[in-house]
Amino acid sequence: MWDYSEKVKDHFFNPRNVGEIKNPDGVGEVGSLACGDALKFMFKLDENKRIKEAKFKTFGCGSAIASASVLTEIVIGKTLEEADKITNKDLANHLDGLPQEKMHCSVMGREALEAAIADYRGIDIKKQLEGEVTCKCFGITDKEIERVIKENQLSTVAEVTHYTKAGGGCESCHPKIEDIISKVEGKVSKKPAPEKIPQKQKLTNIQKMKLIEETIEREIRPALRTDGGDIDLVDIEGNKVIVTLRGTCSSCPSSNFTLKGLVEGKLREFVSNDIEVMVET
């Protein structure tokens, strides 16, 4: 297990400023339930254009909750110009550090703040960060990866995974991530390996069962293990897939909702559009 600081534990068990703001001045939403992490951050300005209120709602692990909680504390009282300078390192430092495997939570916090400020200013932040999707498991683009590499001086695929989750699923994007690292370092680009694109087809019951098991093993289990969790297939009843959660996922209060979205999304993508997932407790 990871070694969490007392501040991380405090913000996880006693999160600050959870909820919604009525008529917020800026709202930023990043991540997705299909990826296992999602964060909605919002703020309200006072008459002097300083942030007087900040709140969040998130689905994710303890580090995601702690990062979002401490973010709301840091930004209150700041101008947007001051808040815009906050980095993911600042969030991690305010929590007395995060495990390397959890640094993507601090990056998600910084991205949500940036998106909320852009929303206030009428800027389409998603368009600015548009690029080629490098990691299809988590929907991470080459521009997002390149930016995090530069901001945090990353040099390995493992580090990129820790900070973005990219490469933490099926791993087929590892050559592309290596290519982006080489590009940032000014090295000669490597030719990425071709990706194998799954094709949907009419399946027999046996084929469907096998494909469900393969998809869980390849697309879902690696992502959960990066956060200290795991998943077991309990049963398959027609298009209904019953799973149970293990590790840290089993004790997280929001895991049933979060993981249902992740598992169901992946099984519908790789197996069948009419798959329904039930999480057994």
Protein backbone atom coordinates (compact mmCIF):
# COMPACT_ATOMS: atom_id res chain seq x y z
CA MET A 1 0.00 0.00 0.00
CA TRP A 2 1.00 3.64 -0.46
CA ASP A 3 2.22 5.87 2.34
CA TYR A 4 -0.22 8.77 2.64
CA SER A 5 0.58 11.92 4.62
CA GLU A 6 -1.61 12.98 7.53
CA LYS A 7 -2.85 15.91 5.44
CA VAL A 8 -4.00 13.60 2.64
CA LYS A 9 -5.84 11.45 5.16
CA ASP A 10 -7.41 14.50 6.78
CA HIS A 11 -8.68 15.92 3.48
CA PHE A 12 -9.95 12.49 2.42
CA PHE A 13 -11.88 11.76 5.61
CA ASN A 14 -12.87 15.41 6.17
CA PRO A 15 -13.07 17.00 2.70
CA ARG A 16 -13.59 20.76 2.61
CA ASN A 17 -16.05 22.65 0.42
CA VAL A 18 -17.87 19.69 -1.09
CA GLY A 19 -21.00 20.51 -3.08
CA GLU A 20 -22.35 22.96 -5.64
CA ILE A 21 -22.38 26.75 -5.86
CA LYS A 22 -25.58 28.40 -7.00
CA ASN A 23 -24.89 30.48 -10.12
CA PRO A 24 -21.08 30.04 -10.09
CA ASP A 25 -18.86 32.40 -12.04
CA GLY A 26 -16.72 29.58 -13.39
CA VAL A 27 -17.10 25.81 -13.70
CA GLY A 28 -14.51 23.27 -14.80
CA GLU A 29 -15.20 19.58 -15.41
CA VAL A 30 -12.37 17.15 -16.18
CA GLY A 31 -11.92 13.40 -16.35
CA SER A 32 -14.81 11.00 -16.87
CA LEU A 33 -16.57 8.21 -15.01
CA ALA A 34 -15.51 5.82 -17.77
CA CYS A 35 -11.90 6.50 -16.80
CA GLY A 36 -12.52 6.05 -13.09
CA ASP A 37 -11.84 9.70 -12.12
CA ALA A 38 -14.02 12.78 -12.62
CA LEU A 39 -13.88 16.22 -11.02
CA LYS A 40 -16.20 19.22 -11.14
CA PHE A 41 -14.76 22.43 -9.67
CA MET A 42 -16.57 25.78 -9.40
CA PHE A 43 -15.93 29.21 -7.92
CA LYS A 44 -17.66 32.49 -7.10
CA LEU A 45 -15.99 35.92 -7.15
CA ASP A 46 -16.54 38.83 -4.77
CA GLU A 47 -16.89 42.50 -5.70
CA ASN A 48 -13.09 42.80 -5.87
CA LYS A 49 -12.81 39.90 -8.32
CA ARG A 50 -11.25 37.61 -5.77
CA ILE A 51 -12.43 34.03 -5.28
CA LYS A 52 -14.75 34.11 -2.26
CA GLU A 53 -16.16 30.62 -2.59
CA ALA A 54 -14.94 27.38 -4.17
CA LYS A 55 -16.55 23.96 -4.15
CA PHE A 56 -16.07 20.59 -5.81
CA LYS A 57 -17.69 17.26 -6.53
CA THR A 58 -15.55 14.30 -7.48
CA PHE A 59 -15.62 10.57 -8.13
CA GLY A 60 -12.27 8.97 -7.53
CA CYS A 61 -9.80 7.67 -4.98
CA GLY A 62 -8.75 9.26 -1.70
CA SER A 63 -5.96 11.24 -3.36
CA ALA A 64 -8.42 12.70 -5.89
CA ILE A 65 -10.72 13.83 -3.07
CA ALA A 66 -7.80 15.24 -1.06
CA SER A 67 -6.36 17.10 -4.08
CA ALA A 68 -9.71 18.70 -4.90
CA SER A 69 -10.35 19.58 -1.25
CA VAL A 70 -7.00 21.30 -0.74
CA LEU A 71 -7.44 23.10 -4.08
CA THR A 72 -10.56 24.84 -2.78
CA GLU A 73 -8.68 26.00 0.30
CA ILE A 74 -5.73 27.33 -1.70
CA VAL A 75 -7.73 29.39 -4.21
CA ILE A 76 -10.08 31.18 -1.81
CA GLY A 77 -8.98 34.80 -1.47
CA LYS A 78 -6.90 34.78 -4.65
CA THR A 79 -7.46 36.69 -7.86
CA LEU A 80 -7.89 34.66 -11.03
CA GLU A 81 -4.43 35.73 -12.14
CA GLU A 82 -2.96 34.37 -8.90
CA ALA A 83 -5.05 31.19 -9.04
CA ASP A 84 -3.99 30.61 -12.65
CA LYS A 85 -0.39 30.20 -11.49
CA ILE A 86 -1.18 27.26 -9.19
CA THR A 87 0.43 24.03 -10.42
CA ASN A 88 -0.18 20.39 -9.66
CA LYS A 89 3.08 20.44 -7.69
CA ASP A 90 1.60 23.13 -5.44
CA LEU A 91 -1.38 20.90 -4.65
CA ALA A 92 0.88 17.93 -3.87
CA ASN A 93 3.15 20.10 -1.70
CA HIS A 94 0.20 21.45 0.29
CA LEU A 95 -0.70 17.85 1.06
CA ASP A 96 2.87 17.11 2.18
CA GLY A 97 3.32 15.02 -0.95
CA LEU A 98 1.45 12.34 -2.83
CA PRO A 99 2.63 8.86 -3.82
CA GLN A 100 4.05 8.93 -7.35
CA GLU A 101 1.29 6.58 -8.48
CA LYS A 102 -1.28 9.19 -7.37
CA MET A 103 0.18 12.33 -8.92
CA HIS A 104 -2.47 12.21 -11.66
CA CYS A 105 -4.93 13.36 -8.98
CA SER A 106 -3.03 16.62 -8.48
CA VAL A 107 -2.88 17.09 -12.27
CA MET A 108 -6.65 16.61 -12.47
CA GLY A 109 -7.10 19.29 -9.80
CA ARG A 110 -4.95 21.76 -11.70
CA GLU A 111 -6.81 20.97 -14.94
CA ALA A 112 -10.20 21.55 -13.28
CA LEU A 113 -9.07 24.93 -11.93
CA GLU A 114 -7.73 25.91 -15.34
CA ALA A 115 -11.00 24.84 -17.02
CA ALA A 116 -13.09 26.85 -14.53
CA ILE A 117 -11.03 30.01 -15.08
CA ALA A 118 -11.28 29.50 -18.85
CA ASP A 119 -15.05 29.08 -18.50
CA TYR A 120 -15.26 32.44 -16.68
CA ARG A 121 -13.19 34.09 -19.42
CA GLY A 122 -15.25 32.52 -22.21
CA ILE A 123 -12.34 30.43 -23.51
CA ASP A 124 -12.81 26.94 -24.92
CA ILE A 125 -10.00 25.21 -23.06
CA LYS A 126 -10.79 21.82 -24.60
CA LYS A 127 -10.24 23.22 -28.07
CA GLN A 128 -6.86 24.62 -27.02
CA LEU A 129 -5.76 21.19 -25.81
CA GLU A 130 -7.17 19.24 -28.74
CA GLY A 131 -4.80 16.70 -30.16
CA GLU A 132 -4.49 13.10 -31.25
CA VAL A 133 -5.77 10.63 -28.65
CA THR A 134 -2.69 8.70 -27.58
CA CYS A 135 -4.18 6.58 -24.78
CA LYS A 136 -7.59 5.28 -25.85
CA CYS A 137 -8.18 3.53 -22.53
CA PHE A 138 -8.28 6.88 -20.71
CA GLY A 139 -8.81 9.31 -23.59
CA ILE A 140 -5.52 11.20 -23.07
CA THR A 141 -4.19 13.23 -26.01
CA ASP A 142 -0.62 13.78 -27.11
CA LYS A 143 -0.84 17.48 -26.16
CA GLU A 144 -1.95 16.65 -22.63
CA ILE A 145 0.91 14.18 -22.22
CA GLU A 146 3.46 16.58 -23.69
CA ARG A 147 2.35 19.36 -21.35
CA VAL A 148 2.59 17.21 -18.21
CA ILE A 149 6.01 15.92 -19.27
CA LYS A 150 7.29 19.49 -19.61
CA GLU A 151 5.72 20.77 -16.39
CA ASN A 152 6.99 17.88 -14.26
CA GLN A 153 10.21 16.93 -16.07
CA LEU A 154 9.08 13.37 -16.72
CA SER A 155 11.35 10.96 -18.58
CA THR A 156 9.76 7.50 -18.48
CA VAL A 157 6.49 5.88 -19.51
CA ALA A 158 5.87 4.85 -15.90
CA GLU A 159 6.13 8.47 -14.76
CA VAL A 160 3.71 9.58 -17.48
CA THR A 161 1.26 6.91 -16.29
CA HIS A 162 1.56 8.10 -12.69
CA TYR A 163 0.83 11.70 -13.70
CA THR A 164 -1.86 11.17 -16.37
CA LYS A 165 -2.98 7.50 -16.22
CA ALA A 166 -2.02 7.28 -19.91
CA GLY A 167 -0.51 3.86 -20.57
CA GLY A 168 -2.06 2.32 -17.46
CA GLY A 169 -4.60 0.22 -19.33
CA CYS A 170 -3.86 -2.09 -22.24
CA GLU A 171 -0.35 -0.57 -22.66
CA SER A 172 -0.59 -0.48 -26.47
CA CYS A 173 0.14 3.26 -26.38
CA HIS A 174 3.52 2.86 -24.65
CA PRO A 175 5.48 3.29 -27.92
CA LYS A 176 3.59 6.52 -28.63
CA ILE A 177 4.29 7.82 -25.13
CA GLU A 178 7.98 7.02 -25.60
CA ASP A 179 7.83 8.94 -28.87
CA ILE A 180 6.34 11.99 -27.11
CA ILE A 181 9.02 11.83 -24.40
CA SER A 182 11.69 11.70 -27.10
CA LYS A 183 10.11 14.68 -28.85
CA VAL A 184 10.11 16.75 -25.66
CA GLU A 185 13.73 15.77 -24.97
CA GLY A 186 14.68 16.68 -28.52
CA LYS A 187 15.60 13.16 -29.51
CA VAL A 188 14.91 11.39 -32.80
CA SER A 189 11.32 10.14 -32.85
CA LYS A 190 10.66 6.45 -32.73
CA LYS A 191 8.15 4.86 -35.04
CA PRO A 192 5.14 3.84 -32.93
CA ALA A 193 3.88 0.29 -33.18
CA PRO A 194 0.54 -0.12 -34.97
CA GLU A 195 -2.44 -0.47 -32.62
CA LYS A 196 -4.75 -3.41 -32.70
CA ILE A 197 -8.31 -2.12 -33.03
CA PRO A 198 -10.96 -4.45 -31.63
CA GLN A 199 -13.79 -5.35 -34.00
CA LYS A 200 -17.32 -6.04 -32.77
CA GLN A 201 -19.07 -9.08 -34.17
CA LYS A 202 -22.03 -11.32 -33.51
CA LEU A 203 -20.96 -13.56 -30.68
CA THR A 204 -21.98 -16.94 -29.36
CA ASN A 205 -22.51 -17.20 -25.60
CA ILE A 206 -19.13 -18.84 -25.15
CA GLN A 207 -17.40 -16.20 -27.29
CA LYS A 208 -19.12 -13.41 -25.33
CA MET A 209 -18.04 -14.87 -22.00
CA LYS A 210 -14.46 -15.23 -23.19
CA LEU A 211 -14.41 -11.68 -24.61
CA ILE A 212 -15.82 -10.24 -21.36
CA GLU A 213 -13.09 -12.00 -19.38
CA GLU A 214 -10.39 -10.80 -21.80
CA THR A 215 -11.67 -7.21 -21.72
CA ILE A 216 -11.69 -7.13 -17.92
CA GLU A 217 -8.16 -8.51 -17.84
CA ARG A 218 -6.79 -6.21 -20.56
CA GLU A 219 -8.78 -2.96 -20.29
CA ILE A 220 -10.12 -2.74 -16.72
CA ARG A 221 -8.00 -4.60 -14.18
CA PRO A 222 -4.71 -2.77 -14.96
CA ALA A 223 -6.42 0.62 -14.47
CA LEU A 224 -7.87 -0.41 -11.12
CA ARG A 225 -4.58 -1.82 -9.90
CA THR A 226 -2.89 1.55 -10.47
CA ASP A 227 -5.15 2.83 -7.67
CA GLY A 228 -4.71 -0.21 -5.42
CA GLY A 229 -7.98 -1.85 -6.41
CA ASP A 230 -9.04 -4.93 -8.32
CA ILE A 231 -12.13 -6.59 -9.76
CA ASP A 232 -13.51 -10.13 -10.00
CA LEU A 233 -16.06 -11.44 -12.46
CA VAL A 234 -18.86 -13.12 -10.46
CA ASP A 235 -21.36 -14.20 -13.10
CA ILE A 236 -22.78 -13.50 -16.55
CA GLU A 237 -26.54 -13.68 -17.10
CA GLY A 238 -27.29 -12.93 -20.74
CA ASN A 239 -26.22 -9.28 -21.16
CA LYS A 240 -25.99 -8.71 -17.41
CA VAL A 241 -22.43 -8.87 -16.05
CA ILE A 242 -22.02 -9.17 -12.28
CA VAL A 243 -18.70 -8.10 -10.75
CA THR A 244 -17.30 -7.50 -7.28
CA LEU A 245 -14.62 -5.04 -6.22
CA ARG A 246 -11.44 -5.80 -4.31
CA GLY A 247 -8.69 -3.85 -2.59
CA THR A 248 -9.12 -0.10 -2.02
CA CYS A 249 -12.06 -0.01 -4.46
CA SER A 250 -14.16 -2.17 -2.14
CA SER A 251 -13.93 0.35 0.73
CA CYS A 252 -14.40 3.56 -1.28
CA PRO A 253 -17.93 4.99 -0.75
CA SER A 254 -18.25 6.14 -4.37
CA SER A 255 -16.69 3.07 -5.99
CA ASN A 256 -19.93 1.31 -6.93
CA PHE A 257 -21.07 4.28 -9.00
CA THR A 258 -17.63 5.11 -10.38
CA LEU A 259 -16.60 1.57 -11.26
CA LYS A 260 -19.95 0.69 -12.79
CA GLY A 261 -19.36 3.48 -15.31
CA LEU A 262 -15.81 2.31 -16.06
CA VAL A 263 -16.61 -1.39 -16.40
CA GLU A 264 -19.85 -0.89 -18.31
CA GLY A 265 -18.22 1.60 -20.69
CA LYS A 266 -15.34 -0.72 -21.54
CA LEU A 267 -17.52 -3.81 -21.97
CA ARG A 268 -19.91 -1.91 -24.24
CA GLU A 269 -16.96 -0.65 -26.28
CA PHE A 270 -15.24 -4.01 -26.74
CA VAL A 271 -18.03 -6.58 -26.35
CA SER A 272 -21.60 -5.41 -26.89
CA ASN A 273 -23.59 -2.17 -26.68
CA ASP A 274 -26.32 -3.77 -24.56
CA ILE A 275 -24.08 -4.94 -21.70
CA GLU A 276 -25.38 -4.01 -18.23
CA VAL A 277 -23.06 -4.17 -15.22
CA MET A 278 -24.07 -4.85 -11.61
CA VAL A 279 -21.58 -4.34 -8.79
CA GLU A 280 -22.07 -6.91 -6.05
CA THR A 281 -21.31 -5.82 -2.50
